[in-house]
Structures are given as C-alpha cells and as structure tokens.
Amino acid sequence: MSSIFPGDLWAVGEAQIEGLTVIVRFRTGLPSAPDRQINENLVIISWPYQGTESGMPSDEDKQSHNSFEEAIEKGFENSDIGVQVACLTGNHHKEWRYYTRDVEAFLDAFNACLAGHPVYPIQLRMYKDPDWNALAELQPQGSDQLH
C-alpha cells in the first residue's frame, strides 16, 4: 500500500507534552482523498514504558521497541493491508499510527508478524478517520514551521 504515497518521505520533529520532549516521525505527504477514504481505519498501537526521567525509553525499552517495530515493518512492507504513517516516542509512551482498509485483515497480519515474539505490553485502538487527521495534525501547517 506504500504506493498510495507520492514518495516515501519522512520527517522528524519534536513536540512538548506535559513538559517532556516527544520525538515525532511522520510521513510528509498525504495520499489522494479517494485513497484516504478507502483506507479510513486508523489503528493506534500504544506501548507505555517506565523509561528515563526525561520520559524517553531506556536502552532495554529501545531494544524491545526495535524488535517489535522490525517485526511489524517487515510484516507490512510488501503488503497492501496497512501503512505506517507516524511514530511518536516520549513522555513514557511509544505510539505507532497505521491506516488500513480492512481492520480484520490488519489484525490477522499484525498477529502473524508477531508469532514467536514475547507478549508485548501494547494496546490497539481503532478509529474511523477518512480525512487522515491523525497524520495531518502532525504535519507542519506551513513552510515557516519547517525550520
């Protein structure tokens, strides 16, 4: 499904949440309106962690996050079932945002990529988001904010 993006361009920024830094990695573009409406289901994968005093993950947390993320990315990279649009890290919380046209197929693929992995302390939530607000809200609203 990555073909719905004009290019596979990502940006990284920082936000402040409750006084702590959150690193935000997000896709810089939006697919066409028809592609967004077809893939209108937002899946948010949340992983709370203790981390460091600054709210960032500890080295141990990072290792677990990376194992999880690599399995998920590998499972979805050549499929049209789901596309990752953002990842947020900080404030004792890691979050991945995906869009899919078919929540059941997404969950089947998600579980398949994690076969053999330990049970991760994650929570999945699903929303209808045909305008892709969960991605648009992360993108700068004008070129003056890109610096």
N, C-alpha and C. Protein backbone atom coordinates (compact mmCIF):
# COMPACT_ATOMS: atom_id res chain seq x y z
N MET A 1 0.83 -1.19 0.00
CA MET A 1 0.00 0.00 0.00
C MET A 1 0.86 1.25 0.00
N SER A 2 2.17 1.13 0.14
CA SER A 2 3.00 2.33 0.18
C SER A 2 2.86 3.12 -1.11
N SER A 3 2.36 2.50 -2.17
CA SER A 3 2.20 3.21 -3.44
C SER A 3 1.15 4.31 -3.35
N ILE A 4 0.32 4.35 -2.31
CA ILE A 4 -0.65 5.43 -2.21
C ILE A 4 0.03 6.74 -1.82
N PHE A 5 1.31 6.66 -1.39
CA PHE A 5 2.05 7.89 -1.09
C PHE A 5 2.85 8.28 -2.32
N PRO A 6 2.84 9.56 -2.68
CA PRO A 6 3.59 10.01 -3.86
C PRO A 6 5.08 9.73 -3.74
N GLY A 7 5.60 9.76 -2.54
CA GLY A 7 7.00 9.41 -2.29
C GLY A 7 7.07 8.90 -0.88
N ASP A 8 8.11 8.15 -0.56
CA ASP A 8 8.21 7.59 0.78
C ASP A 8 9.04 8.54 1.64
N LEU A 9 8.55 9.77 1.80
CA LEU A 9 9.30 10.78 2.53
C LEU A 9 8.83 10.90 3.97
N TRP A 10 9.79 10.94 4.87
CA TRP A 10 9.51 11.04 6.30
C TRP A 10 10.21 12.26 6.86
N ALA A 11 9.67 12.82 7.89
CA ALA A 11 10.30 13.92 8.61
C ALA A 11 10.31 13.57 10.09
N VAL A 12 11.21 14.22 10.82
CA VAL A 12 11.28 14.03 12.26
C VAL A 12 11.19 15.39 12.93
N GLY A 13 10.37 15.47 13.96
CA GLY A 13 10.24 16.72 14.70
C GLY A 13 10.13 16.45 16.18
N GLU A 14 10.02 17.51 16.94
CA GLU A 14 9.87 17.38 18.38
C GLU A 14 8.64 18.15 18.83
N ALA A 15 7.99 17.63 19.83
CA ALA A 15 6.86 18.32 20.46
C ALA A 15 7.08 18.26 21.96
N GLN A 16 6.38 19.11 22.69
CA GLN A 16 6.42 19.08 24.15
C GLN A 16 5.04 18.63 24.64
N ILE A 17 5.04 17.56 25.43
CA ILE A 17 3.79 17.09 26.03
C ILE A 17 4.03 16.99 27.53
N GLU A 18 3.23 17.71 28.28
CA GLU A 18 3.37 17.73 29.74
C GLU A 18 4.81 18.06 30.15
N GLY A 19 5.44 18.97 29.42
CA GLY A 19 6.79 19.41 29.75
C GLY A 19 7.89 18.46 29.33
N LEU A 20 7.56 17.34 28.69
CA LEU A 20 8.57 16.39 28.25
C LEU A 20 8.65 16.37 26.73
N THR A 21 9.85 16.13 26.21
CA THR A 21 10.05 16.08 24.77
C THR A 21 9.49 14.78 24.20
N VAL A 22 8.81 14.90 23.08
CA VAL A 22 8.32 13.74 22.33
C VAL A 22 8.89 13.85 20.92
N ILE A 23 9.55 12.80 20.47
CA ILE A 23 10.09 12.75 19.11
C ILE A 23 8.99 12.19 18.21
N VAL A 24 8.72 12.90 17.13
CA VAL A 24 7.65 12.52 16.22
C VAL A 24 8.25 12.26 14.83
N ARG A 25 8.07 11.04 14.32
CA ARG A 25 8.49 10.70 12.95
C ARG A 25 7.20 10.50 12.16
N PHE A 26 7.09 11.17 11.01
CA PHE A 26 5.83 11.11 10.27
C PHE A 26 6.07 11.24 8.78
N ARG A 27 5.12 10.73 8.01
CA ARG A 27 5.17 10.90 6.56
C ARG A 27 4.84 12.34 6.22
N THR A 28 5.55 12.87 5.23
CA THR A 28 5.40 14.28 4.91
C THR A 28 4.23 14.57 3.98
N GLY A 29 3.74 13.57 3.28
CA GLY A 29 2.64 13.82 2.34
C GLY A 29 1.36 13.16 2.80
N LEU A 30 0.30 13.44 2.06
CA LEU A 30 -0.97 12.75 2.27
C LEU A 30 -1.36 12.10 0.96
N PRO A 31 -1.88 10.88 0.99
CA PRO A 31 -2.38 10.27 -0.24
C PRO A 31 -3.59 11.05 -0.76
N SER A 32 -4.01 10.70 -1.95
CA SER A 32 -5.19 11.36 -2.54
C SER A 32 -6.41 11.10 -1.67
N ALA A 33 -7.40 11.98 -1.78
CA ALA A 33 -8.63 11.83 -0.98
C ALA A 33 -9.28 10.47 -1.19
N PRO A 34 -9.40 9.96 -2.42
CA PRO A 34 -10.01 8.62 -2.58
C PRO A 34 -9.22 7.53 -1.86
N ASP A 35 -7.88 7.59 -1.92
CA ASP A 35 -7.07 6.58 -1.23
C ASP A 35 -7.23 6.71 0.28
N ARG A 36 -7.35 7.94 0.79
CA ARG A 36 -7.55 8.11 2.24
C ARG A 36 -8.89 7.52 2.65
N GLN A 37 -9.93 7.74 1.85
CA GLN A 37 -11.26 7.26 2.24
C GLN A 37 -11.36 5.74 2.17
N ILE A 38 -10.65 5.13 1.22
CA ILE A 38 -10.63 3.66 1.15
C ILE A 38 -9.94 3.10 2.39
N ASN A 39 -8.85 3.74 2.79
CA ASN A 39 -8.06 3.29 3.94
C ASN A 39 -8.39 4.17 5.15
N GLU A 40 -9.68 4.16 5.51
CA GLU A 40 -10.17 5.12 6.50
C GLU A 40 -10.01 4.68 7.95
N ASN A 41 -9.51 3.47 8.17
CA ASN A 41 -9.41 2.95 9.52
C ASN A 41 -8.04 3.24 10.11
N LEU A 42 -8.02 4.04 11.17
CA LEU A 42 -6.80 4.37 11.89
C LEU A 42 -6.61 3.33 12.99
N VAL A 43 -5.40 2.76 13.04
CA VAL A 43 -5.04 1.83 14.12
C VAL A 43 -3.90 2.48 14.89
N ILE A 44 -4.12 2.69 16.18
CA ILE A 44 -3.07 3.26 17.04
C ILE A 44 -2.58 2.15 17.97
N ILE A 45 -1.28 1.88 17.88
CA ILE A 45 -0.64 0.88 18.74
C ILE A 45 0.12 1.66 19.82
N SER A 46 -0.25 1.46 21.07
CA SER A 46 0.35 2.21 22.18
C SER A 46 1.16 1.27 23.07
N TRP A 47 2.29 1.77 23.53
CA TRP A 47 3.18 1.00 24.41
C TRP A 47 3.66 1.92 25.52
N PRO A 48 3.06 1.85 26.71
CA PRO A 48 3.56 2.64 27.83
C PRO A 48 4.85 2.00 28.38
N TYR A 49 5.78 2.82 28.83
CA TYR A 49 7.01 2.29 29.42
C TYR A 49 7.45 3.22 30.55
N GLN A 50 8.27 2.67 31.45
CA GLN A 50 8.78 3.48 32.57
C GLN A 50 9.82 4.47 32.07
N GLY A 51 10.82 3.96 31.37
CA GLY A 51 11.82 4.82 30.74
C GLY A 51 12.67 5.60 31.72
N THR A 52 13.25 6.67 31.19
CA THR A 52 14.14 7.52 31.98
C THR A 52 13.36 8.70 32.53
N GLU A 53 14.02 9.49 33.35
CA GLU A 53 13.37 10.64 33.97
C GLU A 53 12.86 11.63 32.92
N SER A 54 13.56 11.70 31.78
CA SER A 54 13.19 12.63 30.72
C SER A 54 11.96 12.16 29.93
N GLY A 55 11.50 10.93 30.24
CA GLY A 55 10.34 10.39 29.53
C GLY A 55 10.71 9.57 28.31
N MET A 56 12.01 9.48 28.02
CA MET A 56 12.47 8.70 26.88
C MET A 56 12.68 7.24 27.30
N PRO A 57 12.66 6.33 26.32
CA PRO A 57 12.85 4.92 26.67
C PRO A 57 14.28 4.63 27.14
N SER A 58 14.40 3.67 28.05
CA SER A 58 15.72 3.20 28.47
C SER A 58 16.31 2.34 27.34
N ASP A 59 17.58 1.95 27.46
CA ASP A 59 18.19 1.10 26.43
C ASP A 59 17.42 -0.22 26.29
N GLU A 60 16.99 -0.75 27.42
CA GLU A 60 16.22 -2.01 27.40
C GLU A 60 14.88 -1.81 26.68
N ASP A 61 14.22 -0.69 26.98
CA ASP A 61 12.96 -0.38 26.28
C ASP A 61 13.20 -0.29 24.78
N LYS A 62 14.28 0.41 24.40
CA LYS A 62 14.58 0.61 22.97
C LYS A 62 14.76 -0.73 22.27
N GLN A 63 15.46 -1.66 22.93
CA GLN A 63 15.67 -2.98 22.31
C GLN A 63 14.34 -3.68 22.07
N SER A 64 13.45 -3.64 23.05
CA SER A 64 12.13 -4.27 22.89
C SER A 64 11.33 -3.57 21.81
N HIS A 65 11.35 -2.23 21.82
CA HIS A 65 10.61 -1.47 20.80
C HIS A 65 11.13 -1.81 19.40
N ASN A 66 12.48 -1.90 19.27
CA ASN A 66 13.05 -2.18 17.96
C ASN A 66 12.68 -3.57 17.46
N SER A 67 12.71 -4.57 18.34
CA SER A 67 12.32 -5.93 17.93
C SER A 67 10.88 -5.95 17.45
N PHE A 68 10.01 -5.28 18.20
CA PHE A 68 8.60 -5.19 17.85
C PHE A 68 8.43 -4.47 16.51
N GLU A 69 9.07 -3.29 16.40
CA GLU A 69 8.90 -2.46 15.21
C GLU A 69 9.43 -3.15 13.95
N GLU A 70 10.59 -3.83 14.07
CA GLU A 70 11.15 -4.53 12.92
C GLU A 70 10.21 -5.63 12.44
N ALA A 71 9.62 -6.36 13.38
CA ALA A 71 8.69 -7.44 13.00
C ALA A 71 7.46 -6.87 12.29
N ILE A 72 6.92 -5.76 12.82
CA ILE A 72 5.73 -5.16 12.23
C ILE A 72 6.06 -4.58 10.85
N GLU A 73 7.16 -3.84 10.75
CA GLU A 73 7.51 -3.23 9.47
C GLU A 73 7.76 -4.28 8.41
N LYS A 74 8.44 -5.36 8.80
CA LYS A 74 8.71 -6.44 7.84
C LYS A 74 7.40 -7.09 7.39
N GLY A 75 6.47 -7.23 8.32
CA GLY A 75 5.20 -7.86 8.00
C GLY A 75 4.32 -7.04 7.08
N PHE A 76 4.48 -5.71 7.11
CA PHE A 76 3.60 -4.85 6.32
C PHE A 76 4.28 -4.21 5.11
N GLU A 77 5.62 -4.32 4.99
CA GLU A 77 6.31 -3.55 3.96
C GLU A 77 5.89 -3.90 2.53
N ASN A 78 5.60 -5.15 2.25
CA ASN A 78 5.21 -5.52 0.89
C ASN A 78 3.75 -5.92 0.80
N SER A 79 2.94 -5.36 1.68
CA SER A 79 1.52 -5.72 1.66
C SER A 79 0.70 -4.47 1.47
N ASP A 80 -0.54 -4.66 1.07
CA ASP A 80 -1.43 -3.50 0.94
C ASP A 80 -2.44 -3.49 2.09
N ILE A 81 -2.12 -4.20 3.17
CA ILE A 81 -3.06 -4.33 4.29
C ILE A 81 -3.00 -3.12 5.23
N GLY A 82 -1.81 -2.58 5.43
CA GLY A 82 -1.68 -1.45 6.35
C GLY A 82 -0.46 -0.64 6.02
N VAL A 83 -0.52 0.64 6.32
CA VAL A 83 0.61 1.52 6.08
C VAL A 83 0.87 2.37 7.33
N GLN A 84 2.14 2.39 7.75
CA GLN A 84 2.51 3.20 8.91
C GLN A 84 2.65 4.65 8.45
N VAL A 85 2.10 5.56 9.23
CA VAL A 85 2.19 6.98 8.87
C VAL A 85 2.93 7.79 9.92
N ALA A 86 3.07 7.27 11.14
CA ALA A 86 3.74 8.05 12.18
C ALA A 86 4.17 7.15 13.33
N CYS A 87 5.17 7.66 14.05
CA CYS A 87 5.64 7.01 15.26
C CYS A 87 6.03 8.12 16.24
N LEU A 88 5.53 8.04 17.46
CA LEU A 88 5.80 9.06 18.48
C LEU A 88 6.48 8.38 19.67
N THR A 89 7.55 8.99 20.17
CA THR A 89 8.29 8.43 21.29
C THR A 89 8.57 9.51 22.31
N GLY A 90 8.14 9.29 23.54
CA GLY A 90 8.44 10.22 24.63
C GLY A 90 7.29 10.30 25.61
N ASN A 91 7.52 10.99 26.72
CA ASN A 91 6.50 11.11 27.76
C ASN A 91 6.06 9.73 28.25
N HIS A 92 7.03 8.81 28.34
CA HIS A 92 6.81 7.44 28.85
C HIS A 92 5.81 6.66 28.00
N HIS A 93 5.85 6.92 26.69
CA HIS A 93 4.84 6.33 25.81
C HIS A 93 5.40 6.24 24.39
N LYS A 94 5.20 5.10 23.74
CA LYS A 94 5.55 4.97 22.33
C LYS A 94 4.28 4.63 21.59
N GLU A 95 4.13 5.23 20.42
CA GLU A 95 2.88 5.04 19.67
C GLU A 95 3.19 4.95 18.18
N TRP A 96 2.57 3.97 17.53
CA TRP A 96 2.66 3.83 16.08
C TRP A 96 1.26 4.06 15.52
N ARG A 97 1.17 4.79 14.40
CA ARG A 97 -0.11 5.05 13.76
C ARG A 97 -0.12 4.43 12.37
N TYR A 98 -1.12 3.60 12.13
CA TYR A 98 -1.29 2.91 10.85
C TYR A 98 -2.67 3.22 10.28
N TYR A 99 -2.78 3.12 8.96
CA TYR A 99 -4.09 3.16 8.31
C TYR A 99 -4.29 1.87 7.55
N THR A 100 -5.54 1.42 7.51
CA THR A 100 -5.88 0.19 6.79
C THR A 100 -7.27 0.30 6.22
N ARG A 101 -7.51 -0.45 5.16
CA ARG A 101 -8.87 -0.53 4.61
C ARG A 101 -9.68 -1.61 5.32
N ASP A 102 -8.98 -2.58 5.93
CA ASP A 102 -9.65 -3.76 6.49
C ASP A 102 -9.04 -4.09 7.86
N VAL A 103 -9.74 -3.72 8.92
CA VAL A 103 -9.22 -3.89 10.28
C VAL A 103 -8.96 -5.37 10.58
N GLU A 104 -9.87 -6.26 10.18
CA GLU A 104 -9.68 -7.68 10.48
C GLU A 104 -8.44 -8.24 9.81
N ALA A 105 -8.24 -7.89 8.54
CA ALA A 105 -7.05 -8.35 7.82
C ALA A 105 -5.79 -7.76 8.46
N PHE A 106 -5.88 -6.50 8.89
CA PHE A 106 -4.74 -5.86 9.56
C PHE A 106 -4.39 -6.64 10.83
N LEU A 107 -5.40 -6.95 11.65
CA LEU A 107 -5.15 -7.66 12.91
C LEU A 107 -4.58 -9.05 12.65
N ASP A 108 -5.07 -9.74 11.62
CA ASP A 108 -4.53 -11.07 11.28
C ASP A 108 -3.06 -10.96 10.91
N ALA A 109 -2.73 -9.98 10.05
CA ALA A 109 -1.34 -9.80 9.62
C ALA A 109 -0.46 -9.36 10.80
N PHE A 110 -1.00 -8.49 11.63
CA PHE A 110 -0.29 -7.99 12.81
C PHE A 110 0.08 -9.16 13.72
N ASN A 111 -0.88 -10.01 14.01
CA ASN A 111 -0.62 -11.17 14.88
C ASN A 111 0.35 -12.14 14.23
N ALA A 112 0.25 -12.30 12.91
CA ALA A 112 1.15 -13.23 12.20
C ALA A 112 2.60 -12.74 12.29
N CYS A 113 2.82 -11.42 12.17
CA CYS A 113 4.21 -10.94 12.22
C CYS A 113 4.80 -11.06 13.61
N LEU A 114 3.98 -11.18 14.63
CA LEU A 114 4.49 -11.27 15.99
C LEU A 114 4.54 -12.71 16.51
N ALA A 115 4.26 -13.67 15.64
CA ALA A 115 4.32 -15.07 16.05
C ALA A 115 5.73 -15.38 16.55
N GLY A 116 5.81 -16.02 17.72
CA GLY A 116 7.11 -16.36 18.28
C GLY A 116 7.74 -15.25 19.10
N HIS A 117 7.16 -14.07 19.10
CA HIS A 117 7.68 -12.97 19.92
C HIS A 117 7.10 -13.07 21.33
N PRO A 118 7.75 -12.42 22.30
CA PRO A 118 7.14 -12.37 23.63
C PRO A 118 5.87 -11.52 23.58
N VAL A 119 5.08 -11.59 24.61
CA VAL A 119 3.89 -10.75 24.67
C VAL A 119 4.34 -9.34 25.01
N TYR A 120 4.01 -8.39 24.16
CA TYR A 120 4.40 -7.00 24.38
C TYR A 120 3.28 -6.27 25.13
N PRO A 121 3.64 -5.28 25.96
CA PRO A 121 2.63 -4.54 26.73
C PRO A 121 1.96 -3.44 25.90
N ILE A 122 1.31 -3.87 24.82
CA ILE A 122 0.74 -2.90 23.89
C ILE A 122 -0.78 -2.90 23.96
N GLN A 123 -1.34 -1.82 23.47
CA GLN A 123 -2.79 -1.68 23.37
C GLN A 123 -3.09 -1.19 21.95
N LEU A 124 -4.10 -1.77 21.33
CA LEU A 124 -4.52 -1.33 20.00
C LEU A 124 -5.88 -0.67 20.09
N ARG A 125 -6.00 0.48 19.43
CA ARG A 125 -7.29 1.16 19.34
C ARG A 125 -7.56 1.46 17.88
N MET A 126 -8.82 1.38 17.48
CA MET A 126 -9.20 1.65 16.10
C MET A 126 -10.22 2.77 16.05
N TYR A 127 -10.07 3.60 15.02
CA TYR A 127 -10.98 4.72 14.80
C TYR A 127 -11.25 4.85 13.31
N LYS A 128 -12.39 5.41 12.97
CA LYS A 128 -12.65 5.82 11.59
C LYS A 128 -12.04 7.21 11.43
N ASP A 129 -11.19 7.38 10.42
CA ASP A 129 -10.52 8.66 10.20
C ASP A 129 -10.32 8.85 8.69
N PRO A 130 -11.41 9.04 7.94
CA PRO A 130 -11.31 9.12 6.47
C PRO A 130 -10.53 10.34 5.98
N ASP A 131 -10.36 11.35 6.82
CA ASP A 131 -9.59 12.54 6.42
C ASP A 131 -8.12 12.44 6.84
N TRP A 132 -7.78 11.36 7.54
CA TRP A 132 -6.42 11.13 8.00
C TRP A 132 -5.94 12.25 8.91
N ASN A 133 -6.80 12.70 9.81
CA ASN A 133 -6.43 13.76 10.74
C ASN A 133 -5.27 13.36 11.65
N ALA A 134 -5.15 12.06 11.95
CA ALA A 134 -4.09 11.60 12.86
C ALA A 134 -2.70 11.76 12.23
N LEU A 135 -2.64 11.88 10.91
CA LEU A 135 -1.38 12.21 10.25
C LEU A 135 -1.30 13.72 10.00
N ALA A 136 -2.37 14.28 9.48
CA ALA A 136 -2.37 15.71 9.12
C ALA A 136 -2.01 16.59 10.32
N GLU A 137 -2.47 16.19 11.54
CA GLU A 137 -2.21 17.02 12.72
C GLU A 137 -0.73 17.07 13.08
N LEU A 138 0.05 16.11 12.59
CA LEU A 138 1.48 16.07 12.91
C LEU A 138 2.30 16.88 11.92
N GLN A 139 1.74 17.16 10.77
CA GLN A 139 2.48 17.84 9.72
C GLN A 139 2.46 19.35 9.93
N PRO A 140 3.59 20.01 9.62
CA PRO A 140 3.61 21.48 9.73
C PRO A 140 2.53 22.08 8.83
N GLN A 141 1.91 23.14 9.30
CA GLN A 141 0.81 23.75 8.55
C GLN A 141 1.29 24.83 7.60
N GLY A 142 2.58 24.97 7.47
CA GLY A 142 3.11 25.98 6.55
C GLY A 142 4.62 25.89 6.53
N SER A 143 5.22 26.37 5.47
CA SER A 143 6.67 26.22 5.33
C SER A 143 7.45 26.96 6.42
N ASP A 144 6.83 27.96 7.05
CA ASP A 144 7.54 28.70 8.10
C ASP A 144 7.77 27.84 9.34
N GLN A 145 7.05 26.72 9.46
CA GLN A 145 7.22 25.87 10.64
C GLN A 145 8.21 24.73 10.39
N LEU A 146 8.79 24.66 9.21
CA LEU A 146 9.66 23.54 8.88
C LEU A 146 11.06 23.69 9.47
N HIS A 147 11.40 24.85 10.00
CA HIS A 147 12.78 25.08 10.47
C HIS A 147 12.93 24.70 11.92
